N, C-alpha and C. Protein backbone atom coordinates (compact mmCIF):
# COMPACT_ATOMS: atom_id res chain seq x y z
N UNK A 1 -22.15 29.82 60.59
CA UNK A 1 -23.22 28.89 60.25
C UNK A 1 -23.25 28.65 58.74
N UNK A 2 -23.53 27.50 58.30
CA UNK A 2 -23.50 27.14 56.92
C UNK A 2 -24.79 27.54 56.16
N UNK A 3 -24.67 27.87 54.91
CA UNK A 3 -25.80 28.28 54.10
C UNK A 3 -26.17 27.17 53.10
N UNK A 4 -27.47 27.11 52.71
CA UNK A 4 -27.96 26.19 51.71
C UNK A 4 -28.61 26.97 50.60
N UNK A 5 -28.55 26.46 49.44
CA UNK A 5 -29.24 27.08 48.26
C UNK A 5 -30.55 26.29 48.05
N UNK A 6 -31.64 27.03 47.99
CA UNK A 6 -32.96 26.40 47.83
C UNK A 6 -33.59 26.86 46.49
N UNK A 7 -34.07 25.90 45.70
CA UNK A 7 -34.76 26.25 44.48
C UNK A 7 -36.22 26.45 44.79
N UNK A 8 -36.73 27.64 44.70
CA UNK A 8 -38.13 27.91 44.99
C UNK A 8 -39.06 27.55 43.84
N UNK A 9 -38.52 27.32 42.66
CA UNK A 9 -39.28 27.05 41.48
C UNK A 9 -39.86 25.63 41.52
N UNK A 10 -39.07 24.67 41.94
CA UNK A 10 -39.44 23.26 41.85
C UNK A 10 -40.78 23.01 42.48
N UNK A 11 -41.09 23.42 43.72
CA UNK A 11 -42.39 23.07 44.34
C UNK A 11 -43.56 23.68 43.53
N UNK A 12 -43.34 24.86 42.97
CA UNK A 12 -44.43 25.48 42.18
C UNK A 12 -44.66 24.67 40.90
N UNK A 13 -43.61 24.24 40.23
CA UNK A 13 -43.73 23.51 38.98
C UNK A 13 -44.38 22.15 39.27
N UNK A 14 -43.96 21.49 40.33
CA UNK A 14 -44.55 20.17 40.71
C UNK A 14 -46.08 20.32 40.99
N UNK A 15 -46.43 21.39 41.72
CA UNK A 15 -47.86 21.58 42.05
C UNK A 15 -48.65 21.86 40.76
N UNK A 16 -48.11 22.62 39.86
CA UNK A 16 -48.80 22.96 38.62
C UNK A 16 -48.90 21.73 37.69
N UNK A 17 -47.88 20.90 37.71
CA UNK A 17 -47.96 19.66 36.86
C UNK A 17 -49.08 18.79 37.43
N UNK A 18 -49.16 18.61 38.73
CA UNK A 18 -50.22 17.84 39.28
C UNK A 18 -51.58 18.36 38.99
N UNK A 19 -51.72 19.72 39.09
CA UNK A 19 -53.01 20.36 38.80
C UNK A 19 -53.42 20.07 37.31
N UNK A 20 -52.49 20.31 36.41
CA UNK A 20 -52.75 20.13 34.98
C UNK A 20 -53.02 18.67 34.59
N UNK A 21 -52.25 17.78 35.19
CA UNK A 21 -52.46 16.35 34.84
C UNK A 21 -53.82 15.84 35.28
N UNK A 22 -54.36 16.45 36.33
CA UNK A 22 -55.74 16.15 36.78
C UNK A 22 -56.79 16.40 35.71
N UNK A 23 -56.44 17.33 34.81
CA UNK A 23 -57.47 17.72 33.80
C UNK A 23 -57.33 16.76 32.53
N UNK A 24 -56.33 15.96 32.52
CA UNK A 24 -56.15 15.05 31.39
C UNK A 24 -56.85 13.71 31.69
N UNK A 25 -57.17 13.00 30.67
CA UNK A 25 -57.88 11.66 30.89
C UNK A 25 -56.98 10.74 31.66
N UNK A 26 -57.60 9.83 32.40
CA UNK A 26 -56.86 8.86 33.21
C UNK A 26 -55.98 8.01 32.28
N UNK A 27 -56.59 7.52 31.21
CA UNK A 27 -55.88 6.73 30.21
C UNK A 27 -55.59 7.52 28.99
N UNK A 28 -54.40 7.63 28.53
CA UNK A 28 -53.21 7.12 29.07
C UNK A 28 -52.36 8.08 29.91
N UNK A 29 -52.76 9.37 29.90
CA UNK A 29 -51.93 10.44 30.49
C UNK A 29 -51.66 10.22 31.95
N UNK A 30 -52.69 10.13 32.82
CA UNK A 30 -52.43 10.02 34.26
C UNK A 30 -51.72 8.69 34.54
N UNK A 31 -52.01 7.61 33.84
CA UNK A 31 -51.34 6.35 34.04
C UNK A 31 -49.86 6.45 33.72
N UNK A 32 -49.53 7.06 32.59
CA UNK A 32 -48.12 7.24 32.15
C UNK A 32 -47.36 8.07 33.17
N UNK A 33 -47.94 9.20 33.56
CA UNK A 33 -47.17 10.11 34.41
C UNK A 33 -47.27 9.74 35.88
N UNK A 34 -47.96 8.64 36.23
CA UNK A 34 -47.90 8.09 37.56
C UNK A 34 -46.57 7.34 37.80
N UNK A 35 -45.85 7.03 36.71
CA UNK A 35 -44.53 6.47 36.79
C UNK A 35 -43.59 7.50 37.26
N UNK A 36 -42.86 7.29 38.42
CA UNK A 36 -42.00 8.30 38.96
C UNK A 36 -40.89 8.78 38.06
N UNK A 37 -40.33 7.89 37.24
CA UNK A 37 -39.28 8.25 36.31
C UNK A 37 -39.85 9.20 35.23
N UNK A 38 -40.95 8.90 34.70
CA UNK A 38 -41.53 9.75 33.66
C UNK A 38 -42.03 11.07 34.28
N UNK A 39 -42.53 11.06 35.44
CA UNK A 39 -42.89 12.28 36.14
C UNK A 39 -41.69 13.18 36.35
N UNK A 40 -40.52 12.62 36.78
CA UNK A 40 -39.33 13.40 36.94
C UNK A 40 -38.86 13.97 35.61
N UNK A 41 -39.04 13.18 34.58
CA UNK A 41 -38.66 13.69 33.23
C UNK A 41 -39.47 14.95 32.89
N UNK A 42 -40.72 14.93 33.15
CA UNK A 42 -41.60 16.04 32.94
C UNK A 42 -41.22 17.27 33.77
N UNK A 43 -40.88 17.05 35.01
CA UNK A 43 -40.44 18.08 35.90
C UNK A 43 -39.16 18.74 35.35
N UNK A 44 -38.21 17.92 34.96
CA UNK A 44 -36.96 18.42 34.39
C UNK A 44 -37.23 19.17 33.06
N UNK A 45 -38.14 18.68 32.26
CA UNK A 45 -38.44 19.33 31.00
C UNK A 45 -38.90 20.77 31.30
N UNK A 46 -39.82 20.89 32.24
CA UNK A 46 -40.37 22.25 32.51
C UNK A 46 -39.30 23.12 33.20
N UNK A 47 -38.56 22.58 34.17
CA UNK A 47 -37.56 23.38 34.86
C UNK A 47 -36.49 23.93 33.98
N UNK A 48 -36.19 23.24 32.86
CA UNK A 48 -35.16 23.75 31.91
C UNK A 48 -35.72 24.85 31.03
N UNK A 49 -36.99 25.09 31.07
CA UNK A 49 -37.59 26.11 30.22
C UNK A 49 -38.10 27.31 30.92
N UNK A 50 -38.09 27.30 32.25
CA UNK A 50 -38.60 28.48 33.01
C UNK A 50 -37.46 29.10 33.75
N UNK A 51 -37.68 30.34 34.16
CA UNK A 51 -36.67 31.01 35.01
C UNK A 51 -36.81 30.47 36.39
N UNK A 52 -35.67 29.94 36.93
CA UNK A 52 -35.66 29.38 38.27
C UNK A 52 -35.29 30.45 39.22
N UNK A 53 -35.89 30.39 40.45
CA UNK A 53 -35.61 31.34 41.53
C UNK A 53 -35.01 30.52 42.67
N UNK A 54 -33.85 31.07 43.15
CA UNK A 54 -33.13 30.45 44.25
C UNK A 54 -32.98 31.46 45.39
N UNK A 55 -32.90 30.91 46.60
CA UNK A 55 -32.54 31.75 47.78
C UNK A 55 -31.51 30.97 48.54
N UNK A 56 -30.81 31.73 49.38
CA UNK A 56 -29.84 31.07 50.34
C UNK A 56 -30.44 31.26 51.71
N UNK A 57 -30.38 30.21 52.50
CA UNK A 57 -30.86 30.23 53.83
C UNK A 57 -29.83 29.61 54.78
N UNK A 58 -29.86 29.97 56.03
CA UNK A 58 -28.97 29.33 57.03
C UNK A 58 -29.49 27.90 57.21
N UNK A 59 -28.44 27.02 57.52
CA UNK A 59 -28.80 25.59 57.74
C UNK A 59 -29.89 25.49 58.80
N UNK A 60 -30.92 24.74 58.53
CA UNK A 60 -31.97 24.51 59.50
C UNK A 60 -33.05 25.56 59.45
N UNK A 61 -32.85 26.66 58.78
CA UNK A 61 -33.87 27.73 58.67
C UNK A 61 -34.92 27.28 57.72
N UNK A 62 -36.22 27.58 58.04
CA UNK A 62 -37.32 27.20 57.24
C UNK A 62 -37.62 28.31 56.29
N UNK A 63 -38.11 27.99 55.08
CA UNK A 63 -38.49 29.02 54.10
C UNK A 63 -39.96 29.38 54.37
N UNK A 64 -40.23 30.64 54.37
CA UNK A 64 -41.63 31.09 54.57
C UNK A 64 -42.43 30.67 53.35
N UNK A 65 -43.61 30.05 53.63
CA UNK A 65 -44.47 29.53 52.55
C UNK A 65 -44.94 30.66 51.64
N UNK A 66 -45.13 31.84 52.19
CA UNK A 66 -45.53 32.99 51.32
C UNK A 66 -44.43 33.36 50.36
N UNK A 67 -43.18 33.22 50.72
CA UNK A 67 -42.00 33.45 49.85
C UNK A 67 -42.02 32.45 48.71
N UNK A 68 -42.28 31.16 48.99
CA UNK A 68 -42.31 30.09 47.98
C UNK A 68 -43.45 30.40 46.96
N UNK A 69 -44.61 30.81 47.46
CA UNK A 69 -45.73 31.03 46.57
C UNK A 69 -45.55 32.33 45.73
N UNK A 70 -44.84 33.29 46.23
CA UNK A 70 -44.67 34.55 45.57
C UNK A 70 -43.66 34.53 44.43
N UNK A 71 -42.85 33.44 44.38
CA UNK A 71 -41.77 33.41 43.41
C UNK A 71 -42.18 32.55 42.19
N UNK A 72 -43.14 33.07 41.44
CA UNK A 72 -43.60 32.33 40.24
C UNK A 72 -42.49 32.30 39.22
N UNK A 73 -42.13 31.15 38.71
CA UNK A 73 -40.98 30.97 37.82
C UNK A 73 -41.13 31.53 36.47
N UNK A 74 -42.35 31.61 35.95
CA UNK A 74 -42.60 32.09 34.59
C UNK A 74 -43.14 33.51 34.57
N UNK A 75 -42.98 34.15 33.45
CA UNK A 75 -43.48 35.51 33.33
C UNK A 75 -45.00 35.59 33.60
N UNK A 76 -45.73 34.52 33.18
CA UNK A 76 -47.17 34.47 33.41
C UNK A 76 -47.56 33.00 33.68
N UNK A 77 -48.66 32.83 34.37
CA UNK A 77 -49.15 31.48 34.62
C UNK A 77 -49.45 30.75 33.31
N UNK A 78 -49.86 31.45 32.31
CA UNK A 78 -50.14 30.85 31.01
C UNK A 78 -48.85 30.23 30.39
N UNK A 79 -47.78 30.94 30.58
CA UNK A 79 -46.53 30.43 30.04
C UNK A 79 -46.09 29.11 30.74
N UNK A 80 -46.25 29.03 32.01
CA UNK A 80 -45.92 27.83 32.73
C UNK A 80 -46.85 26.68 32.32
N UNK A 81 -48.12 26.94 32.19
CA UNK A 81 -49.06 25.93 31.73
C UNK A 81 -48.75 25.46 30.34
N UNK A 82 -48.28 26.39 29.46
CA UNK A 82 -47.94 25.96 28.10
C UNK A 82 -46.71 25.10 28.09
N UNK A 83 -45.69 25.38 28.92
CA UNK A 83 -44.51 24.51 29.02
C UNK A 83 -44.85 23.15 29.55
N UNK A 84 -45.77 23.08 30.51
CA UNK A 84 -46.20 21.75 31.09
C UNK A 84 -46.93 20.98 30.04
N UNK A 85 -47.88 21.61 29.34
CA UNK A 85 -48.67 20.89 28.37
C UNK A 85 -47.78 20.44 27.18
N UNK A 86 -46.85 21.28 26.74
CA UNK A 86 -45.93 20.89 25.70
C UNK A 86 -45.11 19.69 26.16
N UNK A 87 -44.64 19.73 27.39
CA UNK A 87 -43.82 18.63 27.93
C UNK A 87 -44.60 17.36 28.00
N UNK A 88 -45.83 17.41 28.40
CA UNK A 88 -46.71 16.25 28.44
C UNK A 88 -46.79 15.62 27.06
N UNK A 89 -47.02 16.42 26.08
CA UNK A 89 -47.22 15.89 24.71
C UNK A 89 -45.90 15.39 24.16
N UNK A 90 -44.78 16.11 24.39
CA UNK A 90 -43.51 15.65 23.86
C UNK A 90 -43.06 14.32 24.50
N UNK A 91 -43.25 14.20 25.78
CA UNK A 91 -42.83 12.99 26.50
C UNK A 91 -43.72 11.81 26.07
N UNK A 92 -45.00 12.08 25.91
CA UNK A 92 -45.89 11.00 25.45
C UNK A 92 -45.49 10.59 24.04
N UNK A 93 -45.13 11.43 23.16
CA UNK A 93 -44.62 11.04 21.85
C UNK A 93 -43.32 10.26 21.93
N UNK A 94 -42.40 10.71 22.77
CA UNK A 94 -41.08 10.04 22.91
C UNK A 94 -41.24 8.64 23.45
N UNK A 95 -42.19 8.43 24.34
CA UNK A 95 -42.30 7.12 25.00
C UNK A 95 -43.55 6.36 24.47
N UNK A 96 -43.99 6.62 23.30
CA UNK A 96 -45.18 5.98 22.79
C UNK A 96 -45.03 4.44 22.72
N UNK A 97 -43.93 3.93 22.35
CA UNK A 97 -43.70 2.48 22.32
C UNK A 97 -43.83 1.86 23.70
N UNK A 98 -43.26 2.54 24.72
CA UNK A 98 -43.36 2.05 26.08
C UNK A 98 -44.79 2.14 26.56
N UNK A 99 -45.47 3.20 26.20
CA UNK A 99 -46.85 3.37 26.59
C UNK A 99 -47.71 2.26 26.03
N UNK A 100 -47.52 1.94 24.78
CA UNK A 100 -48.31 0.86 24.13
C UNK A 100 -48.14 -0.46 24.85
N UNK A 101 -46.95 -0.75 25.38
CA UNK A 101 -46.75 -2.04 25.99
C UNK A 101 -47.04 -2.09 27.47
N UNK A 102 -46.89 -0.96 28.16
CA UNK A 102 -47.02 -0.93 29.61
C UNK A 102 -48.37 -0.46 30.11
N UNK A 103 -49.09 0.33 29.31
CA UNK A 103 -50.38 0.86 29.73
C UNK A 103 -51.46 0.25 28.93
N UNK A 104 -52.20 -0.70 29.49
CA UNK A 104 -53.23 -1.40 28.79
C UNK A 104 -54.38 -0.51 28.37
N UNK A 105 -55.01 -0.85 27.34
CA UNK A 105 -56.25 -0.10 26.88
C UNK A 105 -57.29 -0.30 27.94
N UNK A 106 -58.26 0.63 28.05
CA UNK A 106 -59.30 0.46 29.03
C UNK A 106 -60.63 0.03 28.40
N UNK A 107 -60.56 -0.65 27.28
CA UNK A 107 -61.74 -1.23 26.65
C UNK A 107 -62.15 -2.39 27.56
N UNK A 108 -63.44 -2.66 27.63
CA UNK A 108 -63.94 -3.67 28.54
C UNK A 108 -63.35 -5.05 28.30
N UNK A 109 -63.20 -5.44 27.05
CA UNK A 109 -62.69 -6.80 26.79
C UNK A 109 -61.19 -6.96 26.93
N UNK A 110 -60.43 -5.94 27.14
CA UNK A 110 -59.03 -6.05 27.24
C UNK A 110 -58.47 -5.91 28.66
N UNK A 111 -59.39 -5.64 29.63
CA UNK A 111 -58.93 -5.52 31.00
C UNK A 111 -58.57 -6.88 31.54
N UNK A 112 -57.62 -6.96 32.44
CA UNK A 112 -57.13 -8.21 33.03
C UNK A 112 -58.28 -9.03 33.75
N UNK A 113 -59.21 -8.33 34.32
CA UNK A 113 -60.26 -9.04 35.05
C UNK A 113 -61.13 -9.89 34.11
N UNK A 114 -61.13 -9.55 32.85
CA UNK A 114 -61.89 -10.38 31.91
C UNK A 114 -61.16 -11.54 31.34
N UNK A 115 -59.81 -11.52 31.47
CA UNK A 115 -58.97 -12.59 30.98
C UNK A 115 -59.21 -13.88 31.78
N UNK A 116 -59.46 -13.73 33.11
CA UNK A 116 -59.53 -14.88 33.97
C UNK A 116 -60.95 -15.20 34.45
N UNK A 117 -61.90 -14.49 33.92
CA UNK A 117 -63.24 -14.76 34.28
C UNK A 117 -63.71 -14.04 35.37
């Protein structure tokens, strides 16, 4: 039977990114990171900075959910949070020009609904 390599770190990082982004303001943070490409960039940013945990499983075998939860990629939850927050700020700075053009301000007079009456 064939074996597969599974990264247990990725689902933990994705869940933590979602949790942390919910604490940021909708504009511009949640709007920017709702873009799948930018979200993937953030996931990659964090995964390259934490210890990744892998397991091998037989083809078709399911991973126990308690095993996924118990394999925290960072030495502490605070370290993972710090990497995520640093990634958010770094990516926002790198893509500031794109953000300015693609994410409209949320001031009342600049929203599209006011342009057309």
